Amino acid sequence: MLVELKKVQTGTSKLPSQVQASLKDVSDGLTASINELSSIASSDAPFNEKATKVKDAVQQRINPLLDAATSRVQEILKVISSRGQEAKENVQNGSANGRPE
């Protein structure tokens, strides 16, 4: 799980700065979750206690974090899609208006 969360964190850091800014709270939560899970994994606690702590962390932090990230990415994709559609329409309208009749 830590490996996958770190992959998400790395992928987030490669996004354009505007997207990173809009995902800052998600990125901060991801960092905190990675730190928490790393701490749990490296503790000297018995396995059953570690498993319970990981389960609690997933339920309380990671699932809500992933839900928020999914929602935010869907919002960003909608904006990008609508801008792309507007640009396409502008090009088509410009091309149609620029042709001699």
N, C-alpha and C. Protein backbone atom coordinates (compact mmCIF):
# COMPACT_ATOMS: atom_id res chain seq x y z
N MET A 1 0.82 -1.18 0.00
CA MET A 1 0.00 0.00 0.00
C MET A 1 0.87 1.26 0.00
N LEU A 2 1.94 1.22 0.78
CA LEU A 2 2.84 2.37 0.81
C LEU A 2 3.45 2.65 -0.57
N VAL A 3 3.81 1.59 -1.25
CA VAL A 3 4.41 1.76 -2.58
C VAL A 3 3.42 2.44 -3.52
N GLU A 4 2.18 2.01 -3.50
CA GLU A 4 1.17 2.61 -4.37
C GLU A 4 0.90 4.07 -4.00
N LEU A 5 0.82 4.36 -2.72
CA LEU A 5 0.61 5.74 -2.29
C LEU A 5 1.78 6.63 -2.70
N LYS A 6 2.99 6.10 -2.62
CA LYS A 6 4.16 6.86 -3.04
C LYS A 6 4.15 7.10 -4.54
N LYS A 7 3.65 6.12 -5.32
CA LYS A 7 3.51 6.31 -6.77
C LYS A 7 2.54 7.44 -7.07
N VAL A 8 1.43 7.47 -6.34
CA VAL A 8 0.45 8.54 -6.52
C VAL A 8 1.09 9.88 -6.17
N GLN A 9 1.83 9.91 -5.09
CA GLN A 9 2.50 11.15 -4.67
C GLN A 9 3.50 11.61 -5.73
N THR A 10 4.26 10.69 -6.28
CA THR A 10 5.23 11.02 -7.33
C THR A 10 4.50 11.53 -8.58
N GLY A 11 3.43 10.86 -8.94
CA GLY A 11 2.65 11.29 -10.10
C GLY A 11 2.06 12.68 -9.91
N THR A 12 1.61 12.96 -8.72
CA THR A 12 1.04 14.28 -8.42
C THR A 12 2.10 15.36 -8.57
N SER A 13 3.31 15.06 -8.16
CA SER A 13 4.38 16.07 -8.24
C SER A 13 4.78 16.37 -9.68
N LYS A 14 4.40 15.53 -10.62
CA LYS A 14 4.74 15.73 -12.03
C LYS A 14 3.66 16.50 -12.79
N LEU A 15 2.56 16.80 -12.12
CA LEU A 15 1.46 17.52 -12.76
C LEU A 15 1.82 19.00 -12.94
N PRO A 16 1.15 19.69 -13.85
CA PRO A 16 1.38 21.14 -13.99
C PRO A 16 1.11 21.86 -12.67
N SER A 17 1.79 22.96 -12.46
CA SER A 17 1.73 23.68 -11.18
C SER A 17 0.31 24.10 -10.81
N GLN A 18 -0.51 24.47 -11.78
CA GLN A 18 -1.89 24.86 -11.48
C GLN A 18 -2.69 23.68 -10.93
N VAL A 19 -2.47 22.52 -11.49
CA VAL A 19 -3.16 21.32 -11.02
C VAL A 19 -2.64 20.94 -9.64
N GLN A 20 -1.33 21.03 -9.45
CA GLN A 20 -0.75 20.75 -8.15
C GLN A 20 -1.35 21.66 -7.08
N ALA A 21 -1.50 22.93 -7.41
CA ALA A 21 -2.07 23.88 -6.45
C ALA A 21 -3.50 23.51 -6.08
N SER A 22 -4.27 23.06 -7.05
CA SER A 22 -5.66 22.70 -6.76
C SER A 22 -5.76 21.38 -5.98
N LEU A 23 -4.70 20.61 -6.00
CA LEU A 23 -4.67 19.34 -5.27
C LEU A 23 -3.80 19.40 -4.01
N LYS A 24 -3.43 20.62 -3.57
CA LYS A 24 -2.50 20.75 -2.45
C LYS A 24 -3.01 20.06 -1.19
N ASP A 25 -4.27 20.26 -0.84
CA ASP A 25 -4.79 19.62 0.37
C ASP A 25 -4.77 18.10 0.25
N VAL A 26 -5.04 17.60 -0.92
CA VAL A 26 -4.99 16.16 -1.15
C VAL A 26 -3.54 15.67 -1.05
N SER A 27 -2.62 16.42 -1.64
CA SER A 27 -1.21 16.05 -1.59
C SER A 27 -0.69 16.08 -0.16
N ASP A 28 -1.08 17.09 0.60
CA ASP A 28 -0.67 17.17 2.01
C ASP A 28 -1.22 15.99 2.80
N GLY A 29 -2.47 15.65 2.55
CA GLY A 29 -3.07 14.50 3.22
C GLY A 29 -2.39 13.20 2.84
N LEU A 30 -1.99 13.11 1.59
CA LEU A 30 -1.28 11.92 1.12
C LEU A 30 0.07 11.78 1.83
N THR A 31 0.78 12.88 1.96
CA THR A 31 2.07 12.86 2.67
C THR A 31 1.87 12.44 4.12
N ALA A 32 0.87 13.00 4.78
CA ALA A 32 0.60 12.64 6.17
C ALA A 32 0.23 11.16 6.30
N SER A 33 -0.55 10.67 5.35
CA SER A 33 -0.96 9.26 5.38
C SER A 33 0.24 8.33 5.17
N ILE A 34 1.10 8.68 4.23
CA ILE A 34 2.31 7.89 3.99
C ILE A 34 3.17 7.86 5.24
N ASN A 35 3.33 9.01 5.86
CA ASN A 35 4.13 9.07 7.09
C ASN A 35 3.51 8.22 8.20
N GLU A 36 2.19 8.29 8.33
CA GLU A 36 1.51 7.51 9.36
C GLU A 36 1.67 6.01 9.11
N LEU A 37 1.46 5.58 7.87
CA LEU A 37 1.59 4.16 7.55
C LEU A 37 3.03 3.68 7.71
N SER A 38 3.98 4.53 7.34
CA SER A 38 5.39 4.16 7.52
C SER A 38 5.72 3.99 8.99
N SER A 39 5.18 4.87 9.80
CA SER A 39 5.40 4.79 11.24
C SER A 39 4.80 3.52 11.82
N ILE A 40 3.60 3.18 11.37
CA ILE A 40 2.95 1.95 11.83
C ILE A 40 3.77 0.74 11.43
N ALA A 41 4.19 0.72 10.17
CA ALA A 41 4.93 -0.44 9.66
C ALA A 41 6.27 -0.63 10.37
N SER A 42 6.92 0.45 10.74
CA SER A 42 8.24 0.34 11.36
C SER A 42 8.19 0.22 12.88
N SER A 43 6.99 0.28 13.45
CA SER A 43 6.88 0.20 14.91
C SER A 43 7.16 -1.23 15.40
N ASP A 44 7.42 -1.34 16.67
CA ASP A 44 7.68 -2.64 17.29
C ASP A 44 6.39 -3.30 17.79
N ALA A 45 5.26 -2.76 17.43
CA ALA A 45 3.99 -3.29 17.90
C ALA A 45 3.75 -4.69 17.33
N PRO A 46 2.96 -5.49 18.03
CA PRO A 46 2.61 -6.82 17.50
C PRO A 46 1.84 -6.68 16.18
N PHE A 47 1.93 -7.73 15.38
CA PHE A 47 1.30 -7.71 14.06
C PHE A 47 -0.19 -7.35 14.13
N ASN A 48 -0.93 -7.94 15.05
CA ASN A 48 -2.37 -7.68 15.14
C ASN A 48 -2.64 -6.20 15.40
N GLU A 49 -1.82 -5.59 16.23
CA GLU A 49 -1.99 -4.16 16.53
C GLU A 49 -1.67 -3.31 15.29
N LYS A 50 -0.62 -3.69 14.58
CA LYS A 50 -0.28 -2.98 13.34
C LYS A 50 -1.41 -3.09 12.32
N ALA A 51 -1.95 -4.30 12.20
CA ALA A 51 -3.04 -4.51 11.24
C ALA A 51 -4.25 -3.65 11.59
N THR A 52 -4.57 -3.56 12.86
CA THR A 52 -5.70 -2.74 13.30
C THR A 52 -5.43 -1.27 13.01
N LYS A 53 -4.22 -0.81 13.28
CA LYS A 53 -3.87 0.59 13.02
C LYS A 53 -3.91 0.92 11.53
N VAL A 54 -3.43 0.00 10.72
CA VAL A 54 -3.47 0.21 9.27
C VAL A 54 -4.92 0.28 8.79
N LYS A 55 -5.74 -0.64 9.27
CA LYS A 55 -7.17 -0.65 8.90
C LYS A 55 -7.82 0.67 9.29
N ASP A 56 -7.54 1.14 10.49
CA ASP A 56 -8.11 2.41 10.95
C ASP A 56 -7.63 3.58 10.10
N ALA A 57 -6.35 3.59 9.78
CA ALA A 57 -5.80 4.66 8.95
C ALA A 57 -6.44 4.67 7.57
N VAL A 58 -6.63 3.49 7.01
CA VAL A 58 -7.26 3.39 5.68
C VAL A 58 -8.69 3.91 5.74
N GLN A 59 -9.43 3.49 6.74
CA GLN A 59 -10.83 3.91 6.85
C GLN A 59 -10.97 5.40 7.17
N GLN A 60 -10.12 5.91 8.04
CA GLN A 60 -10.27 7.28 8.51
C GLN A 60 -9.57 8.31 7.64
N ARG A 61 -8.48 7.93 6.99
CA ARG A 61 -7.70 8.91 6.25
C ARG A 61 -7.62 8.63 4.76
N ILE A 62 -7.25 7.41 4.43
CA ILE A 62 -6.91 7.12 3.03
C ILE A 62 -8.16 7.05 2.15
N ASN A 63 -9.19 6.35 2.58
CA ASN A 63 -10.41 6.29 1.76
C ASN A 63 -11.00 7.68 1.51
N PRO A 64 -11.17 8.53 2.55
CA PRO A 64 -11.66 9.88 2.29
C PRO A 64 -10.72 10.69 1.39
N LEU A 65 -9.43 10.49 1.56
CA LEU A 65 -8.45 11.18 0.75
C LEU A 65 -8.57 10.78 -0.72
N LEU A 66 -8.70 9.50 -0.97
CA LEU A 66 -8.85 9.03 -2.36
C LEU A 66 -10.17 9.49 -2.96
N ASP A 67 -11.23 9.52 -2.16
CA ASP A 67 -12.51 10.04 -2.64
C ASP A 67 -12.39 11.51 -3.02
N ALA A 68 -11.71 12.30 -2.18
CA ALA A 68 -11.51 13.72 -2.46
C ALA A 68 -10.66 13.90 -3.72
N ALA A 69 -9.63 13.10 -3.86
CA ALA A 69 -8.76 13.20 -5.04
C ALA A 69 -9.53 12.86 -6.30
N THR A 70 -10.33 11.81 -6.24
CA THR A 70 -11.13 11.41 -7.40
C THR A 70 -12.09 12.52 -7.80
N SER A 71 -12.75 13.08 -6.83
CA SER A 71 -13.70 14.16 -7.09
C SER A 71 -12.99 15.37 -7.70
N ARG A 72 -11.86 15.74 -7.13
CA ARG A 72 -11.12 16.91 -7.63
C ARG A 72 -10.62 16.68 -9.04
N VAL A 73 -10.11 15.50 -9.32
CA VAL A 73 -9.61 15.20 -10.67
C VAL A 73 -10.77 15.22 -11.68
N GLN A 74 -11.93 14.72 -11.29
CA GLN A 74 -13.09 14.77 -12.18
C GLN A 74 -13.49 16.21 -12.49
N GLU A 75 -13.43 17.08 -11.47
CA GLU A 75 -13.72 18.49 -11.70
C GLU A 75 -12.72 19.11 -12.67
N ILE A 76 -11.45 18.81 -12.47
CA ILE A 76 -10.40 19.34 -13.35
C ILE A 76 -10.60 18.85 -14.78
N LEU A 77 -10.93 17.57 -14.93
CA LEU A 77 -11.15 17.02 -16.27
C LEU A 77 -12.35 17.67 -16.95
N LYS A 78 -13.39 17.97 -16.20
CA LYS A 78 -14.56 18.65 -16.77
C LYS A 78 -14.18 20.03 -17.29
N VAL A 79 -13.38 20.76 -16.52
CA VAL A 79 -12.95 22.09 -16.94
C VAL A 79 -12.09 21.99 -18.20
N ILE A 80 -11.16 21.06 -18.19
CA ILE A 80 -10.29 20.89 -19.36
C ILE A 80 -11.11 20.49 -20.58
N SER A 81 -12.05 19.59 -20.39
CA SER A 81 -12.89 19.14 -21.50
C SER A 81 -13.72 20.30 -22.06
N SER A 82 -14.29 21.10 -21.18
CA SER A 82 -15.12 22.21 -21.66
C SER A 82 -14.27 23.25 -22.38
N ARG A 83 -13.06 23.48 -21.89
CA ARG A 83 -12.15 24.42 -22.58
C ARG A 83 -11.74 23.88 -23.94
N GLY A 84 -11.50 22.57 -24.00
CA GLY A 84 -11.15 21.96 -25.28
C GLY A 84 -12.29 22.06 -26.28
N GLN A 85 -13.51 21.85 -25.81
CA GLN A 85 -14.69 21.95 -26.67
C GLN A 85 -14.86 23.39 -27.16
N GLU A 86 -14.66 24.36 -26.26
CA GLU A 86 -14.77 25.77 -26.65
C GLU A 86 -13.73 26.12 -27.71
N ALA A 87 -12.51 25.64 -27.53
CA ALA A 87 -11.45 25.91 -28.49
C ALA A 87 -11.78 25.28 -29.84
N LYS A 88 -12.31 24.07 -29.80
CA LYS A 88 -12.68 23.38 -31.04
C LYS A 88 -13.77 24.17 -31.77
N GLU A 89 -14.76 24.63 -31.03
CA GLU A 89 -15.84 25.41 -31.64
C GLU A 89 -15.32 26.71 -32.21
N ASN A 90 -14.39 27.36 -31.49
CA ASN A 90 -13.82 28.61 -31.99
C ASN A 90 -13.06 28.39 -33.28
N VAL A 91 -12.32 27.30 -33.37
CA VAL A 91 -11.57 26.99 -34.58
C VAL A 91 -12.53 26.72 -35.73
N GLN A 92 -13.56 25.94 -35.46
CA GLN A 92 -14.54 25.61 -36.50
C GLN A 92 -15.27 26.86 -36.96
N ASN A 93 -15.68 27.70 -36.03
CA ASN A 93 -16.38 28.93 -36.39
C ASN A 93 -15.46 29.89 -37.12
N GLY A 94 -14.22 29.96 -36.70
CA GLY A 94 -13.25 30.83 -37.36
C GLY A 94 -12.96 30.35 -38.77
N SER A 95 -12.84 29.04 -38.93
CA SER A 95 -12.58 28.47 -40.26
C SER A 95 -13.76 28.70 -41.18
N ALA A 96 -14.96 28.50 -40.64
CA ALA A 96 -16.16 28.67 -41.46
C ALA A 96 -16.33 30.14 -41.85
N ASN A 97 -16.02 31.03 -40.94
CA ASN A 97 -16.18 32.46 -41.23
C ASN A 97 -15.08 32.99 -42.12
N GLY A 98 -13.95 32.32 -42.13
CA GLY A 98 -12.81 32.81 -42.92
C GLY A 98 -12.81 32.32 -44.35
N ARG A 99 -13.73 31.47 -44.74
CA ARG A 99 -13.75 30.93 -46.10
C ARG A 99 -14.49 31.88 -47.05
N PRO A 100 -13.96 32.04 -48.21
CA PRO A 100 -14.69 32.85 -49.21
C PRO A 100 -15.91 32.08 -49.70
N GLU A 101 -16.95 32.80 -49.93
CA GLU A 101 -18.19 32.15 -50.39
C GLU A 101 -18.36 32.26 -51.86
